[in-house]
């Protein structure tokens, strides 16, 4: 997954590019770096939730159901 395509990252990078004052710029830059390093963007969380759900379906119902879920 290319984290640069994440909507939050795009928004944060746009805000960072338009920020002229140093203190807010540094704080935003640190938050962006920390979020990317921790893989804590909304897209990352969504993918983790999807994987958790597919794994639970695989255990509860079977691989065929998980496969069907993944193909949707």
N, C-alpha and C. Protein backbone atom coordinates (compact mmCIF):
# COMPACT_ATOMS: atom_id res chain seq x y z
N UNK A 1 0.84 -1.17 0.00
CA UNK A 1 0.00 0.00 0.00
C UNK A 1 0.88 1.24 0.00
N UNK A 2 0.56 2.17 -0.84
CA UNK A 2 1.29 3.43 -0.90
C UNK A 2 0.63 4.42 0.06
N UNK A 3 1.30 4.70 1.16
CA UNK A 3 0.74 5.57 2.19
C UNK A 3 0.51 6.98 1.66
N UNK A 4 1.20 7.36 0.61
CA UNK A 4 1.04 8.70 0.04
C UNK A 4 -0.35 8.89 -0.58
N UNK A 5 -1.06 7.80 -0.86
CA UNK A 5 -2.42 7.90 -1.40
C UNK A 5 -3.48 7.97 -0.32
N UNK A 6 -3.09 7.85 0.93
CA UNK A 6 -4.04 7.94 2.03
C UNK A 6 -4.58 9.37 2.11
N UNK A 7 -5.91 9.55 2.22
CA UNK A 7 -6.49 10.90 2.25
C UNK A 7 -5.93 11.77 3.38
N UNK A 8 -5.75 11.21 4.57
CA UNK A 8 -5.23 11.99 5.68
C UNK A 8 -3.80 12.46 5.40
N UNK A 9 -2.99 11.59 4.83
CA UNK A 9 -1.60 11.95 4.52
C UNK A 9 -1.58 13.05 3.46
N UNK A 10 -2.42 12.93 2.44
CA UNK A 10 -2.49 13.97 1.41
C UNK A 10 -2.88 15.31 2.03
N UNK A 11 -3.89 15.28 2.90
CA UNK A 11 -4.35 16.51 3.55
C UNK A 11 -3.25 17.10 4.44
N UNK A 12 -2.59 16.26 5.22
CA UNK A 12 -1.52 16.74 6.10
C UNK A 12 -0.36 17.31 5.30
N UNK A 13 0.00 16.67 4.21
CA UNK A 13 1.09 17.17 3.37
C UNK A 13 0.72 18.52 2.73
N UNK A 14 -0.55 18.68 2.34
CA UNK A 14 -1.00 19.95 1.77
C UNK A 14 -0.95 21.05 2.82
N UNK A 15 -1.40 20.73 4.04
CA UNK A 15 -1.33 21.72 5.13
C UNK A 15 0.11 22.07 5.45
N UNK A 16 0.97 21.07 5.44
CA UNK A 16 2.39 21.29 5.73
C UNK A 16 3.02 22.20 4.67
N UNK A 17 2.67 21.98 3.42
CA UNK A 17 3.22 22.79 2.34
C UNK A 17 2.76 24.24 2.41
N UNK A 18 1.54 24.45 2.93
CA UNK A 18 1.02 25.82 3.00
C UNK A 18 1.33 26.52 4.31
N UNK A 19 1.89 25.80 5.26
CA UNK A 19 2.22 26.39 6.56
C UNK A 19 3.48 27.22 6.46
N UNK A 20 3.38 28.46 6.90
CA UNK A 20 4.52 29.37 6.81
C UNK A 20 5.25 29.52 8.15
N UNK A 21 4.51 29.43 9.25
CA UNK A 21 5.13 29.63 10.57
C UNK A 21 5.82 28.35 11.02
N UNK A 22 6.96 28.50 11.62
CA UNK A 22 7.79 27.35 12.02
C UNK A 22 7.18 26.46 13.11
N UNK A 23 6.74 27.00 14.25
CA UNK A 23 6.24 26.08 15.30
C UNK A 23 5.08 25.19 14.86
N UNK A 24 4.01 25.73 14.26
CA UNK A 24 2.94 24.82 13.81
C UNK A 24 3.42 23.84 12.74
N UNK A 25 4.32 24.32 11.89
CA UNK A 25 4.85 23.46 10.82
C UNK A 25 5.62 22.28 11.41
N UNK A 26 6.46 22.55 12.41
CA UNK A 26 7.23 21.47 13.04
C UNK A 26 6.32 20.47 13.74
N UNK A 27 5.29 20.97 14.42
CA UNK A 27 4.36 20.08 15.12
C UNK A 27 3.61 19.19 14.12
N UNK A 28 3.15 19.79 13.02
CA UNK A 28 2.44 19.01 12.01
C UNK A 28 3.36 18.00 11.35
N UNK A 29 4.58 18.40 11.08
CA UNK A 29 5.56 17.49 10.48
C UNK A 29 5.84 16.31 11.39
N UNK A 30 5.96 16.56 12.69
CA UNK A 30 6.19 15.48 13.66
C UNK A 30 4.99 14.54 13.72
N UNK A 31 3.78 15.11 13.72
CA UNK A 31 2.58 14.28 13.78
C UNK A 31 2.47 13.40 12.53
N UNK A 32 2.75 13.98 11.37
CA UNK A 32 2.70 13.24 10.12
C UNK A 32 3.72 12.11 10.13
N UNK A 33 4.94 12.40 10.53
CA UNK A 33 5.99 11.37 10.58
C UNK A 33 5.63 10.25 11.54
N UNK A 34 5.11 10.62 12.71
CA UNK A 34 4.74 9.62 13.72
C UNK A 34 3.59 8.74 13.22
N UNK A 35 2.60 9.35 12.59
CA UNK A 35 1.45 8.59 12.08
C UNK A 35 1.87 7.61 10.99
N UNK A 36 2.74 8.04 10.10
CA UNK A 36 3.21 7.16 9.03
C UNK A 36 4.06 6.03 9.61
N UNK A 37 4.93 6.35 10.56
CA UNK A 37 5.80 5.33 11.15
C UNK A 37 4.98 4.28 11.91
N UNK A 38 3.94 4.71 12.59
CA UNK A 38 3.11 3.78 13.37
C UNK A 38 2.05 3.08 12.52
N UNK A 39 1.98 3.45 11.23
CA UNK A 39 0.95 2.92 10.34
C UNK A 39 -0.43 3.10 10.96
N UNK A 40 -0.72 4.35 11.34
CA UNK A 40 -1.95 4.66 12.05
C UNK A 40 -2.87 5.60 11.27
N UNK A 41 -2.82 5.54 9.95
CA UNK A 41 -3.74 6.34 9.15
C UNK A 41 -5.08 5.63 9.08
N UNK A 42 -6.11 6.32 8.63
CA UNK A 42 -7.43 5.70 8.53
C UNK A 42 -7.42 4.51 7.58
N UNK A 43 -6.64 4.59 6.54
CA UNK A 43 -6.54 3.47 5.59
C UNK A 43 -5.89 2.26 6.24
N UNK A 44 -4.82 2.48 7.00
CA UNK A 44 -4.17 1.38 7.71
C UNK A 44 -5.13 0.73 8.70
N UNK A 45 -5.85 1.55 9.46
CA UNK A 45 -6.80 1.00 10.44
C UNK A 45 -7.90 0.21 9.74
N UNK A 46 -8.39 0.73 8.62
CA UNK A 46 -9.43 0.03 7.87
C UNK A 46 -8.96 -1.32 7.35
N UNK A 47 -7.73 -1.36 6.84
CA UNK A 47 -7.18 -2.63 6.36
C UNK A 47 -6.98 -3.62 7.50
N UNK A 48 -6.53 -3.14 8.66
CA UNK A 48 -6.37 -4.03 9.81
C UNK A 48 -7.72 -4.58 10.26
N UNK A 49 -8.75 -3.74 10.28
CA UNK A 49 -10.09 -4.19 10.66
C UNK A 49 -10.62 -5.23 9.66
N UNK A 50 -10.37 -5.00 8.38
CA UNK A 50 -10.81 -5.94 7.35
C UNK A 50 -10.12 -7.28 7.52
N UNK A 51 -8.82 -7.25 7.79
CA UNK A 51 -8.07 -8.49 7.99
C UNK A 51 -8.58 -9.24 9.22
N UNK A 52 -8.86 -8.52 10.29
CA UNK A 52 -9.39 -9.13 11.51
C UNK A 52 -10.74 -9.80 11.23
N UNK A 53 -11.60 -9.11 10.50
CA UNK A 53 -12.92 -9.67 10.17
C UNK A 53 -12.78 -10.91 9.29
N UNK A 54 -11.93 -10.85 8.28
CA UNK A 54 -11.74 -11.99 7.38
C UNK A 54 -11.16 -13.19 8.15
N UNK A 55 -10.25 -12.92 9.08
CA UNK A 55 -9.67 -14.01 9.89
C UNK A 55 -10.73 -14.65 10.78
N UNK A 56 -11.58 -13.81 11.37
CA UNK A 56 -12.65 -14.35 12.23
C UNK A 56 -13.63 -15.18 11.41
N UNK A 57 -13.97 -14.72 10.22
CA UNK A 57 -14.87 -15.47 9.34
C UNK A 57 -14.24 -16.81 8.97
N UNK A 58 -12.95 -16.79 8.69
CA UNK A 58 -12.24 -18.03 8.33
C UNK A 58 -12.30 -19.04 9.48
N UNK A 59 -12.11 -18.57 10.69
CA UNK A 59 -12.13 -19.46 11.85
C UNK A 59 -13.55 -19.94 12.15
N UNK A 60 -14.52 -19.02 12.11
CA UNK A 60 -15.90 -19.35 12.50
C UNK A 60 -16.65 -20.16 11.44
N UNK A 61 -16.51 -19.79 10.19
CA UNK A 61 -17.31 -20.42 9.14
C UNK A 61 -16.47 -21.30 8.23
N UNK A 62 -15.31 -20.79 7.86
CA UNK A 62 -14.43 -21.58 7.02
C UNK A 62 -13.73 -20.72 5.97
N UNK A 63 -12.69 -21.30 5.37
CA UNK A 63 -11.92 -20.56 4.37
C UNK A 63 -12.74 -20.12 3.16
N UNK A 64 -13.73 -20.92 2.78
CA UNK A 64 -14.54 -20.56 1.63
C UNK A 64 -15.28 -19.25 1.88
N UNK A 65 -15.75 -19.03 3.13
CA UNK A 65 -16.48 -17.81 3.47
C UNK A 65 -15.54 -16.61 3.50
N UNK A 66 -14.35 -16.81 4.04
CA UNK A 66 -13.36 -15.73 4.07
C UNK A 66 -12.96 -15.34 2.65
N UNK A 67 -12.78 -16.35 1.80
CA UNK A 67 -12.43 -16.10 0.40
C UNK A 67 -13.55 -15.32 -0.30
N UNK A 68 -14.77 -15.68 -0.02
CA UNK A 68 -15.92 -14.98 -0.61
C UNK A 68 -15.94 -13.53 -0.14
N UNK A 69 -15.65 -13.30 1.13
CA UNK A 69 -15.60 -11.95 1.68
C UNK A 69 -14.51 -11.13 1.02
N UNK A 70 -13.35 -11.73 0.82
CA UNK A 70 -12.22 -11.02 0.24
C UNK A 70 -12.45 -10.65 -1.23
N UNK A 71 -13.24 -11.42 -1.91
CA UNK A 71 -13.49 -11.16 -3.34
C UNK A 71 -14.51 -10.08 -3.56
N UNK A 72 -15.23 -9.67 -2.55
CA UNK A 72 -16.27 -8.63 -2.70
C UNK A 72 -15.68 -7.29 -2.82
